[in-house]
Amino acid sequence: YTDAQGAKDMETERMTIEKYAIQCYASEGSYPPDIDYLVKNYGLILHR
């Protein structure tokens, strides 16, 4: 159960980043050059 929950959490995290990248593409016409761009300009919170 713990392993399955961990995999689900990682997929949720990946989907969240993808959503922010798509939002950036819709707003700016291009995908962000790196993940830190999403953190700085779109408020993405990463759990490093």
All heavy atoms as atom14 arrays in JSON, in Angstrom:
{
  "sequence": "YTDAQGAKDMETERMTIEKYAIQCYASEGSYPPDIDYLVKNYGLILHR",
  "atom14_mask": [
    [1, 1, 1, 1, 1, 1, 1, 1, 1, 1, 1, 1, 0, 0],
    [1, 1, 1, 1, 1, 1, 1, 0, 0, 0, 0, 0, 0, 0],
    [1, 1, 1, 1, 1, 1, 1, 1, 0, 0, 0, 0, 0, 0],
    [1, 1, 1, 1, 1, 0, 0, 0, 0, 0, 0, 0, 0, 0],
    [1, 1, 1, 1, 1, 1, 1, 1, 1, 0, 0, 0, 0, 0],
    [1, 1, 1, 1, 0, 0, 0, 0, 0, 0, 0, 0, 0, 0],
    [1, 1, 1, 1, 1, 0, 0, 0, 0, 0, 0, 0, 0, 0],
    [1, 1, 1, 1, 1, 1, 1, 1, 1, 0, 0, 0, 0, 0],
    [1, 1, 1, 1, 1, 1, 1, 1, 0, 0, 0, 0, 0, 0],
    [1, 1, 1, 1, 1, 1, 1, 1, 0, 0, 0, 0, 0, 0],
    [1, 1, 1, 1, 1, 1, 1, 1, 1, 0, 0, 0, 0, 0],
    [1, 1, 1, 1, 1, 1, 1, 0, 0, 0, 0, 0, 0, 0],
    [1, 1, 1, 1, 1, 1, 1, 1, 1, 0, 0, 0, 0, 0],
    [1, 1, 1, 1, 1, 1, 1, 1, 1, 1, 1, 0, 0, 0],
    [1, 1, 1, 1, 1, 1, 1, 1, 0, 0, 0, 0, 0, 0],
    [1, 1, 1, 1, 1, 1, 1, 0, 0, 0, 0, 0, 0, 0],
    [1, 1, 1, 1, 1, 1, 1, 1, 0, 0, 0, 0, 0, 0],
    [1, 1, 1, 1, 1, 1, 1, 1, 1, 0, 0, 0, 0, 0],
    [1, 1, 1, 1, 1, 1, 1, 1, 1, 0, 0, 0, 0, 0],
    [1, 1, 1, 1, 1, 1, 1, 1, 1, 1, 1, 1, 0, 0],
    [1, 1, 1, 1, 1, 0, 0, 0, 0, 0, 0, 0, 0, 0],
    [1, 1, 1, 1, 1, 1, 1, 1, 0, 0, 0, 0, 0, 0],
    [1, 1, 1, 1, 1, 1, 1, 1, 1, 0, 0, 0, 0, 0],
    [1, 1, 1, 1, 1, 1, 0, 0, 0, 0, 0, 0, 0, 0],
    [1, 1, 1, 1, 1, 1, 1, 1, 1, 1, 1, 1, 0, 0],
    [1, 1, 1, 1, 1, 0, 0, 0, 0, 0, 0, 0, 0, 0],
    [1, 1, 1, 1, 1, 1, 0, 0, 0, 0, 0, 0, 0, 0],
    [1, 1, 1, 1, 1, 1, 1, 1, 1, 0, 0, 0, 0, 0],
    [1, 1, 1, 1, 0, 0, 0, 0, 0, 0, 0, 0, 0, 0],
    [1, 1, 1, 1, 1, 1, 0, 0, 0, 0, 0, 0, 0, 0],
    [1, 1, 1, 1, 1, 1, 1, 1, 1, 1, 1, 1, 0, 0],
    [1, 1, 1, 1, 1, 1, 1, 0, 0, 0, 0, 0, 0, 0],
    [1, 1, 1, 1, 1, 1, 1, 0, 0, 0, 0, 0, 0, 0],
    [1, 1, 1, 1, 1, 1, 1, 1, 0, 0, 0, 0, 0, 0],
    [1, 1, 1, 1, 1, 1, 1, 1, 0, 0, 0, 0, 0, 0],
    [1, 1, 1, 1, 1, 1, 1, 1, 0, 0, 0, 0, 0, 0],
    [1, 1, 1, 1, 1, 1, 1, 1, 1, 1, 1, 1, 0, 0],
    [1, 1, 1, 1, 1, 1, 1, 1, 0, 0, 0, 0, 0, 0],
    [1, 1, 1, 1, 1, 1, 1, 0, 0, 0, 0, 0, 0, 0],
    [1, 1, 1, 1, 1, 1, 1, 1, 1, 0, 0, 0, 0, 0],
    [1, 1, 1, 1, 1, 1, 1, 1, 0, 0, 0, 0, 0, 0],
    [1, 1, 1, 1, 1, 1, 1, 1, 1, 1, 1, 1, 0, 0],
    [1, 1, 1, 1, 0, 0, 0, 0, 0, 0, 0, 0, 0, 0],
    [1, 1, 1, 1, 1, 1, 1, 1, 0, 0, 0, 0, 0, 0],
    [1, 1, 1, 1, 1, 1, 1, 1, 0, 0, 0, 0, 0, 0],
    [1, 1, 1, 1, 1, 1, 1, 1, 0, 0, 0, 0, 0, 0],
    [1, 1, 1, 1, 1, 1, 1, 1, 1, 1, 0, 0, 0, 0],
    [1, 1, 1, 1, 1, 1, 1, 1, 1, 1, 1, 0, 0, 0]
  ],
  "atom14_positions": [
    [[0.84, -1.2, 0.0], [0.0, 0.0, 0.0], [0.87, 1.25, 0.0], [0.62, 2.19, -0.75], [-0.93, 0.01, 1.21], [-1.68, 1.3, 1.36], [-2.78, 1.58, 0.56], [-1.28, 2.27, 2.27], [-3.48, 2.77, 0.67], [-1.95, 3.47, 2.38], [-3.05, 3.71, 1.59], [-3.73, 4.89, 1.7], [0.0, 0.0, 0.0], [0.0, 0.0, 0.0]],
    [[1.91, 1.25, 0.81], [2.81, 2.4, 0.89], [3.51, 2.63, -0.44], [3.63, 3.77, -0.9], [3.85, 2.19, 2.02], [3.15, 1.96, 3.25], [4.75, 3.38, 2.18], [0.0, 0.0, 0.0], [0.0, 0.0, 0.0], [0.0, 0.0, 0.0], [0.0, 0.0, 0.0], [0.0, 0.0, 0.0], [0.0, 0.0, 0.0], [0.0, 0.0, 0.0]],
    [[3.97, 1.56, -1.08], [4.63, 1.68, -2.39], [3.66, 2.23, -3.43], [4.02, 3.1, -4.23], [5.18, 0.33, -2.84], [6.39, -0.11, -2.04], [6.96, 0.72, -1.31], [6.76, -1.3, -2.14], [0.0, 0.0, 0.0], [0.0, 0.0, 0.0], [0.0, 0.0, 0.0], [0.0, 0.0, 0.0], [0.0, 0.0, 0.0], [0.0, 0.0, 0.0]],
    [[2.45, 1.73, -3.44], [1.45, 2.2, -4.41], [1.11, 3.66, -4.17], [0.97, 4.44, -5.12], [0.19, 1.33, -4.32], [0.0, 0.0, 0.0], [0.0, 0.0, 0.0], [0.0, 0.0, 0.0], [0.0, 0.0, 0.0], [0.0, 0.0, 0.0], [0.0, 0.0, 0.0], [0.0, 0.0, 0.0], [0.0, 0.0, 0.0], [0.0, 0.0, 0.0]],
    [[1.02, 4.06, -2.92], [0.71, 5.45, -2.6], [1.86, 6.36, -3.03], [1.64, 7.45, -3.55], [0.44, 5.62, -1.1], [-0.05, 7.0, -0.72], [-1.38, 7.35, -1.37], [-2.27, 6.51, -1.48], [-1.51, 8.58, -1.81], [0.0, 0.0, 0.0], [0.0, 0.0, 0.0], [0.0, 0.0, 0.0], [0.0, 0.0, 0.0], [0.0, 0.0, 0.0]],
    [[3.09, 5.91, -2.85], [4.26, 6.68, -3.27], [4.28, 6.89, -4.77], [4.57, 7.98, -5.26], [0.0, 0.0, 0.0], [0.0, 0.0, 0.0], [0.0, 0.0, 0.0], [0.0, 0.0, 0.0], [0.0, 0.0, 0.0], [0.0, 0.0, 0.0], [0.0, 0.0, 0.0], [0.0, 0.0, 0.0], [0.0, 0.0, 0.0], [0.0, 0.0, 0.0]],
    [[3.96, 5.84, -5.52], [3.9, 5.95, -6.98], [2.8, 6.91, -7.42], [2.97, 7.7, -8.35], [3.7, 4.57, -7.61], [0.0, 0.0, 0.0], [0.0, 0.0, 0.0], [0.0, 0.0, 0.0], [0.0, 0.0, 0.0], [0.0, 0.0, 0.0], [0.0, 0.0, 0.0], [0.0, 0.0, 0.0], [0.0, 0.0, 0.0], [0.0, 0.0, 0.0]],
    [[1.68, 6.85, -6.73], [0.57, 7.75, -7.04], [0.96, 9.2, -6.76], [0.65, 10.1, -7.55], [-0.66, 7.35, -6.22], [-1.89, 8.17, -6.5], [-3.06, 7.72, -5.67], [-4.26, 8.6, -5.89], [-5.35, 8.28, -4.98], [0.0, 0.0, 0.0], [0.0, 0.0, 0.0], [0.0, 0.0, 0.0], [0.0, 0.0, 0.0], [0.0, 0.0, 0.0]],
    [[1.65, 9.43, -5.65], [2.09, 10.78, -5.31], [3.07, 11.33, -6.34], [3.0, 12.5, -6.71], [2.74, 10.8, -3.92], [1.74, 10.56, -2.8], [0.51, 10.65, -3.05], [2.18, 10.27, -1.67], [0.0, 0.0, 0.0], [0.0, 0.0, 0.0], [0.0, 0.0, 0.0], [0.0, 0.0, 0.0], [0.0, 0.0, 0.0], [0.0, 0.0, 0.0]],
    [[3.99, 10.49, -6.82], [4.95, 10.94, -7.84], [4.24, 11.29, -9.14], [4.58, 12.27, -9.79], [6.01, 9.86, -8.09], [7.05, 9.79, -7.0], [8.43, 8.71, -7.4], [7.65, 7.13, -7.57], [0.0, 0.0, 0.0], [0.0, 0.0, 0.0], [0.0, 0.0, 0.0], [0.0, 0.0, 0.0], [0.0, 0.0, 0.0], [0.0, 0.0, 0.0]],
    [[3.25, 10.49, -9.52], [2.5, 10.78, -10.74], [1.69, 12.07, -10.59], [1.61, 12.86, -11.53], [1.58, 9.61, -11.1], [0.76, 9.82, -12.34], [1.56, 10.06, -13.61], [2.78, 9.77, -13.65], [0.98, 10.55, -14.59], [0.0, 0.0, 0.0], [0.0, 0.0, 0.0], [0.0, 0.0, 0.0], [0.0, 0.0, 0.0], [0.0, 0.0, 0.0]],
    [[1.14, 12.3, -9.43], [0.42, 13.55, -9.18], [1.36, 14.74, -9.29], [1.02, 15.76, -9.89], [-0.24, 13.52, -7.78], [-1.15, 12.43, -7.73], [-0.96, 14.82, -7.48], [0.0, 0.0, 0.0], [0.0, 0.0, 0.0], [0.0, 0.0, 0.0], [0.0, 0.0, 0.0], [0.0, 0.0, 0.0], [0.0, 0.0, 0.0], [0.0, 0.0, 0.0]],
    [[2.55, 14.61, -8.75], [3.56, 15.66, -8.83], [3.93, 15.93, -10.29], [4.03, 17.08, -10.73], [4.79, 15.23, -8.02], [5.76, 16.32, -7.73], [5.39, 17.17, -6.53], [4.4, 16.87, -5.83], [6.09, 18.15, -6.29], [0.0, 0.0, 0.0], [0.0, 0.0, 0.0], [0.0, 0.0, 0.0], [0.0, 0.0, 0.0], [0.0, 0.0, 0.0]],
    [[4.13, 14.88, -11.08], [4.48, 15.02, -12.49], [3.35, 15.7, -13.27], [3.59, 16.6, -14.07], [4.78, 13.64, -13.12], [5.35, 13.75, -14.54], [5.22, 12.46, -15.32], [3.82, 12.1, -15.58], [3.06, 12.71, -16.5], [3.5, 13.69, -17.21], [1.81, 12.3, -16.68], [0.0, 0.0, 0.0], [0.0, 0.0, 0.0], [0.0, 0.0, 0.0]],
    [[2.13, 15.31, -12.99], [0.98, 15.9, -13.68], [0.82, 17.38, -13.33], [0.42, 18.18, -14.17], [-0.28, 15.11, -13.36], [-0.33, 13.75, -14.03], [-1.72, 12.7, -13.52], [-3.1, 13.75, -13.79], [0.0, 0.0, 0.0], [0.0, 0.0, 0.0], [0.0, 0.0, 0.0], [0.0, 0.0, 0.0], [0.0, 0.0, 0.0], [0.0, 0.0, 0.0]],
    [[1.14, 17.74, -12.09], [1.06, 19.14, -11.68], [2.07, 19.98, -12.46], [1.74, 21.06, -12.95], [1.31, 19.27, -10.17], [0.32, 18.52, -9.47], [1.27, 20.72, -9.72], [0.0, 0.0, 0.0], [0.0, 0.0, 0.0], [0.0, 0.0, 0.0], [0.0, 0.0, 0.0], [0.0, 0.0, 0.0], [0.0, 0.0, 0.0], [0.0, 0.0, 0.0]],
    [[3.29, 19.49, -12.58], [4.31, 20.2, -13.35], [3.88, 20.33, -14.8], [4.03, 21.4, -15.42], [5.68, 19.5, -13.23], [6.15, 19.52, -11.78], [6.71, 20.15, -14.14], [7.3, 18.58, -11.49], [0.0, 0.0, 0.0], [0.0, 0.0, 0.0], [0.0, 0.0, 0.0], [0.0, 0.0, 0.0], [0.0, 0.0, 0.0], [0.0, 0.0, 0.0]],
    [[3.34, 19.27, -15.36], [2.86, 19.31, -16.74], [1.76, 20.35, -16.91], [1.74, 21.1, -17.9], [2.35, 17.92, -17.15], [1.95, 17.82, -18.6], [1.55, 16.41, -18.97], [2.43, 15.53, -19.0], [0.34, 16.19, -19.22], [0.0, 0.0, 0.0], [0.0, 0.0, 0.0], [0.0, 0.0, 0.0], [0.0, 0.0, 0.0], [0.0, 0.0, 0.0]],
    [[0.86, 20.42, -15.95], [-0.23, 21.41, -16.0], [0.33, 22.83, -16.02], [-0.11, 23.68, -16.8], [-1.16, 21.21, -14.81], [-2.35, 22.16, -14.78], [-3.21, 21.93, -13.57], [-2.73, 22.88, -12.5], [-3.54, 22.93, -11.3], [0.0, 0.0, 0.0], [0.0, 0.0, 0.0], [0.0, 0.0, 0.0], [0.0, 0.0, 0.0], [0.0, 0.0, 0.0]],
    [[1.33, 23.09, -15.18], [1.96, 24.41, -15.15], [2.66, 24.7, -16.47], [2.62, 25.84, -16.96], [2.94, 24.51, -13.98], [2.31, 24.9, -12.67], [1.67, 23.95, -11.88], [2.36, 26.21, -12.21], [1.1, 24.29, -10.68], [1.79, 26.56, -11.0], [1.15, 25.6, -10.23], [0.59, 25.95, -9.02], [0.0, 0.0, 0.0], [0.0, 0.0, 0.0]],
    [[3.33, 23.72, -17.04], [4.01, 23.91, -18.32], [3.02, 24.24, -19.43], [3.26, 25.12, -20.26], [4.83, 22.67, -18.67], [0.0, 0.0, 0.0], [0.0, 0.0, 0.0], [0.0, 0.0, 0.0], [0.0, 0.0, 0.0], [0.0, 0.0, 0.0], [0.0, 0.0, 0.0], [0.0, 0.0, 0.0], [0.0, 0.0, 0.0], [0.0, 0.0, 0.0]],
    [[1.88, 23.56, -19.43], [0.84, 23.81, -20.43], [0.25, 25.2, -20.23], [-0.02, 25.92, -21.19], [-0.23, 22.71, -20.39], [0.37, 21.39, -20.88], [-1.47, 23.1, -21.2], [-0.51, 20.17, -20.66], [0.0, 0.0, 0.0], [0.0, 0.0, 0.0], [0.0, 0.0, 0.0], [0.0, 0.0, 0.0], [0.0, 0.0, 0.0], [0.0, 0.0, 0.0]],
    [[0.07, 25.59, -18.99], [-0.43, 26.94, -18.69], [0.55, 27.99, -19.23], [0.14, 28.99, -19.82], [-0.62, 27.12, -17.19], [-1.14, 28.48, -16.8], [-1.28, 28.64, -15.29], [-1.07, 27.7, -14.53], [-1.61, 29.84, -14.86], [0.0, 0.0, 0.0], [0.0, 0.0, 0.0], [0.0, 0.0, 0.0], [0.0, 0.0, 0.0], [0.0, 0.0, 0.0]],
    [[1.84, 27.77, -19.04], [2.86, 28.67, -19.56], [2.79, 28.73, -21.08], [2.86, 29.82, -21.67], [4.25, 28.21, -19.1], [5.61, 29.2, -19.75], [0.0, 0.0, 0.0], [0.0, 0.0, 0.0], [0.0, 0.0, 0.0], [0.0, 0.0, 0.0], [0.0, 0.0, 0.0], [0.0, 0.0, 0.0], [0.0, 0.0, 0.0], [0.0, 0.0, 0.0]],
    [[2.63, 27.58, -21.72], [2.54, 27.54, -23.19], [1.33, 28.33, -23.66], [1.4, 29.07, -24.65], [2.47, 26.09, -23.66], [2.46, 25.96, -25.16], [3.64, 26.07, -25.89], [1.27, 25.72, -25.85], [3.64, 25.95, -27.28], [1.27, 25.6, -27.23], [2.45, 25.72, -27.93], [2.45, 25.6, -29.29], [0.0, 0.0, 0.0], [0.0, 0.0, 0.0]],
    [[0.22, 28.18, -22.97], [-1.01, 28.9, -23.36], [-0.83, 30.4, -23.17], [-1.33, 31.2, -23.97], [-2.18, 28.39, -22.54], [0.0, 0.0, 0.0], [0.0, 0.0, 0.0], [0.0, 0.0, 0.0], [0.0, 0.0, 0.0], [0.0, 0.0, 0.0], [0.0, 0.0, 0.0], [0.0, 0.0, 0.0], [0.0, 0.0, 0.0], [0.0, 0.0, 0.0]],
    [[-0.12, 30.81, -22.15], [0.06, 32.24, -21.86], [1.14, 32.88, -22.72], [0.98, 34.02, -23.18], [0.45, 32.45, -20.4], [-0.54, 31.98, -19.54], [0.0, 0.0, 0.0], [0.0, 0.0, 0.0], [0.0, 0.0, 0.0], [0.0, 0.0, 0.0], [0.0, 0.0, 0.0], [0.0, 0.0, 0.0], [0.0, 0.0, 0.0], [0.0, 0.0, 0.0]],
    [[2.24, 32.17, -22.93], [3.42, 32.78, -23.55], [3.73, 32.26, -24.95], [4.6, 32.81, -25.63], [4.64, 32.58, -22.65], [4.47, 33.2, -21.28], [5.66, 32.99, -20.38], [6.77, 32.71, -20.89], [5.5, 33.1, -19.16], [0.0, 0.0, 0.0], [0.0, 0.0, 0.0], [0.0, 0.0, 0.0], [0.0, 0.0, 0.0], [0.0, 0.0, 0.0]],
    [[3.09, 31.18, -25.36], [3.33, 30.65, -26.7], [4.5, 29.69, -26.8], [4.84, 29.23, -27.89], [0.0, 0.0, 0.0], [0.0, 0.0, 0.0], [0.0, 0.0, 0.0], [0.0, 0.0, 0.0], [0.0, 0.0, 0.0], [0.0, 0.0, 0.0], [0.0, 0.0, 0.0], [0.0, 0.0, 0.0], [0.0, 0.0, 0.0], [0.0, 0.0, 0.0]],
    [[5.15, 29.4, -25.69], [6.23, 28.41, -25.68], [6.3, 27.77, -24.29], [5.87, 28.35, -23.3], [7.58, 29.07, -26.02], [7.93, 30.02, -25.03], [0.0, 0.0, 0.0], [0.0, 0.0, 0.0], [0.0, 0.0, 0.0], [0.0, 0.0, 0.0], [0.0, 0.0, 0.0], [0.0, 0.0, 0.0], [0.0, 0.0, 0.0], [0.0, 0.0, 0.0]],
    [[6.82, 26.56, -24.28], [6.99, 25.87, -23.0], [8.18, 26.48, -22.26], [9.1, 27.02, -22.89], [7.2, 24.37, -23.23], [5.94, 23.67, -23.65], [5.75, 23.29, -24.98], [4.92, 23.41, -22.74], [4.59, 22.66, -25.39], [3.76, 22.79, -23.14], [3.59, 22.4, -24.46], [2.44, 21.8, -24.85], [0.0, 0.0, 0.0], [0.0, 0.0, 0.0]],
    [[8.17, 26.43, -20.94], [9.27, 27.03, -20.18], [10.6, 26.32, -20.46], [10.62, 25.11, -20.7], [8.84, 26.86, -18.72], [7.78, 25.85, -18.73], [7.17, 25.83, -20.09], [0.0, 0.0, 0.0], [0.0, 0.0, 0.0], [0.0, 0.0, 0.0], [0.0, 0.0, 0.0], [0.0, 0.0, 0.0], [0.0, 0.0, 0.0], [0.0, 0.0, 0.0]],
    [[11.7, 27.07, -20.42], [13.0, 26.48, -20.71], [13.49, 25.5, -19.64], [14.27, 24.61, -19.93], [13.93, 27.69, -20.82], [13.25, 28.76, -20.03], [11.78, 28.5, -20.15], [0.0, 0.0, 0.0], [0.0, 0.0, 0.0], [0.0, 0.0, 0.0], [0.0, 0.0, 0.0], [0.0, 0.0, 0.0], [0.0, 0.0, 0.0], [0.0, 0.0, 0.0]],
    [[13.05, 25.71, -18.42], [13.42, 24.8, -17.33], [12.36, 24.85, -16.24], [11.47, 25.71, -16.26], [14.81, 25.13, -16.77], [14.94, 26.57, -16.3], [13.99, 27.08, -15.66], [15.99, 27.17, -16.56], [0.0, 0.0, 0.0], [0.0, 0.0, 0.0], [0.0, 0.0, 0.0], [0.0, 0.0, 0.0], [0.0, 0.0, 0.0], [0.0, 0.0, 0.0]],
    [[12.48, 23.96, -15.31], [11.47, 23.85, -14.26], [11.52, 25.04, -13.3], [10.51, 25.44, -12.74], [11.6, 22.49, -13.52], [10.32, 22.14, -12.79], [12.79, 22.49, -12.59], [10.25, 20.71, -12.33], [0.0, 0.0, 0.0], [0.0, 0.0, 0.0], [0.0, 0.0, 0.0], [0.0, 0.0, 0.0], [0.0, 0.0, 0.0], [0.0, 0.0, 0.0]],
    [[12.7, 25.63, -13.13], [12.82, 26.79, -12.25], [12.05, 27.99, -12.78], [11.6, 28.84, -12.01], [14.3, 27.15, -12.04], [15.02, 26.1, -11.21], [14.38, 25.52, -10.31], [16.21, 25.86, -11.47], [0.0, 0.0, 0.0], [0.0, 0.0, 0.0], [0.0, 0.0, 0.0], [0.0, 0.0, 0.0], [0.0, 0.0, 0.0], [0.0, 0.0, 0.0]],
    [[11.86, 28.07, -14.09], [11.04, 29.13, -14.69], [9.62, 29.05, -14.16], [8.99, 30.07, -13.86], [11.07, 29.01, -16.21], [10.38, 30.15, -16.92], [11.06, 31.32, -17.23], [9.04, 30.05, -17.29], [10.44, 32.36, -17.88], [8.4, 31.09, -17.95], [9.1, 32.25, -18.24], [8.48, 33.28, -18.88], [0.0, 0.0, 0.0], [0.0, 0.0, 0.0]],
    [[9.11, 27.83, -14.02], [7.75, 27.65, -13.49], [7.68, 28.03, -12.02], [6.68, 28.58, -11.56], [7.3, 26.2, -13.68], [7.1, 25.75, -15.12], [6.82, 24.26, -15.18], [5.99, 26.53, -15.78], [0.0, 0.0, 0.0], [0.0, 0.0, 0.0], [0.0, 0.0, 0.0], [0.0, 0.0, 0.0], [0.0, 0.0, 0.0], [0.0, 0.0, 0.0]],
    [[8.74, 27.75, -11.29], [8.79, 28.11, -9.87], [8.78, 29.63, -9.72], [8.0, 30.18, -8.94], [10.04, 27.49, -9.19], [10.2, 28.02, -7.77], [9.95, 25.97, -9.19], [0.0, 0.0, 0.0], [0.0, 0.0, 0.0], [0.0, 0.0, 0.0], [0.0, 0.0, 0.0], [0.0, 0.0, 0.0], [0.0, 0.0, 0.0], [0.0, 0.0, 0.0]],
    [[9.63, 30.3, -10.49], [9.78, 31.75, -10.36], [8.58, 32.53, -10.91], [8.15, 33.51, -10.31], [11.04, 32.22, -11.1], [12.31, 31.76, -10.47], [13.51, 32.15, -11.3], [14.76, 31.49, -10.76], [15.9, 31.65, -11.69], [0.0, 0.0, 0.0], [0.0, 0.0, 0.0], [0.0, 0.0, 0.0], [0.0, 0.0, 0.0], [0.0, 0.0, 0.0]],
    [[8.05, 32.1, -12.05], [7.03, 32.9, -12.73], [5.6, 32.42, -12.56], [4.67, 33.19, -12.82], [7.36, 32.96, -14.23], [8.68, 33.65, -14.47], [8.86, 34.8, -14.1], [9.62, 32.94, -15.07], [0.0, 0.0, 0.0], [0.0, 0.0, 0.0], [0.0, 0.0, 0.0], [0.0, 0.0, 0.0], [0.0, 0.0, 0.0], [0.0, 0.0, 0.0]],
    [[5.42, 31.17, -12.14], [4.06, 30.65, -12.03], [3.72, 30.14, -10.64], [2.63, 29.64, -10.41], [3.83, 29.55, -13.09], [3.7, 30.13, -14.48], [4.83, 30.37, -15.25], [2.47, 30.44, -15.0], [4.72, 30.92, -16.52], [2.34, 30.99, -16.27], [3.47, 31.24, -17.01], [3.36, 31.79, -18.26], [0.0, 0.0, 0.0], [0.0, 0.0, 0.0]],
    [[4.66, 30.21, -9.72], [4.38, 29.82, -8.34], [4.36, 28.32, -8.09], [3.8, 27.87, -7.09], [0.0, 0.0, 0.0], [0.0, 0.0, 0.0], [0.0, 0.0, 0.0], [0.0, 0.0, 0.0], [0.0, 0.0, 0.0], [0.0, 0.0, 0.0], [0.0, 0.0, 0.0], [0.0, 0.0, 0.0], [0.0, 0.0, 0.0], [0.0, 0.0, 0.0]],
    [[4.96, 27.55, -8.99], [5.03, 26.1, -8.78], [5.83, 25.8, -7.52], [6.89, 26.39, -7.29], [5.69, 25.42, -9.98], [5.95, 23.91, -9.86], [4.64, 23.14, -9.77], [6.78, 23.43, -11.03], [0.0, 0.0, 0.0], [0.0, 0.0, 0.0], [0.0, 0.0, 0.0], [0.0, 0.0, 0.0], [0.0, 0.0, 0.0], [0.0, 0.0, 0.0]],
    [[5.32, 24.93, -6.7], [6.02, 24.51, -5.47], [6.55, 23.11, -5.68], [5.8, 22.19, -5.99], [5.07, 24.56, -4.25], [4.59, 25.99, -4.02], [5.76, 24.01, -3.01], [3.5, 26.11, -2.98], [0.0, 0.0, 0.0], [0.0, 0.0, 0.0], [0.0, 0.0, 0.0], [0.0, 0.0, 0.0], [0.0, 0.0, 0.0], [0.0, 0.0, 0.0]],
    [[7.86, 22.96, -5.52], [8.5, 21.66, -5.67], [8.88, 21.11, -4.3], [9.23, 21.86, -3.4], [9.76, 21.79, -6.53], [9.54, 22.28, -7.96], [10.88, 22.45, -8.66], [8.65, 21.32, -8.72], [0.0, 0.0, 0.0], [0.0, 0.0, 0.0], [0.0, 0.0, 0.0], [0.0, 0.0, 0.0], [0.0, 0.0, 0.0], [0.0, 0.0, 0.0]],
    [[8.81, 19.81, -4.16], [9.15, 19.13, -2.91], [10.49, 18.42, -3.11], [10.55, 17.2, -3.22], [8.04, 18.14, -2.53], [6.72, 18.82, -2.39], [5.77, 18.79, -3.39], [6.2, 19.57, -1.39], [4.72, 19.48, -2.99], [4.95, 19.97, -1.79], [0.0, 0.0, 0.0], [0.0, 0.0, 0.0], [0.0, 0.0, 0.0], [0.0, 0.0, 0.0]],
    [[11.55, 19.21, -3.15], [12.88, 18.68, -3.48], [13.44, 17.75, -2.41], [14.33, 16.96, -2.69], [13.84, 19.83, -3.76], [13.46, 20.6, -5.02], [14.52, 21.61, -5.4], [14.05, 22.54, -6.4], [14.27, 22.41, -7.7], [14.94, 21.38, -8.15], [13.83, 23.31, -8.55], [0.0, 0.0, 0.0], [0.0, 0.0, 0.0], [0.0, 0.0, 0.0]]
  ]
}
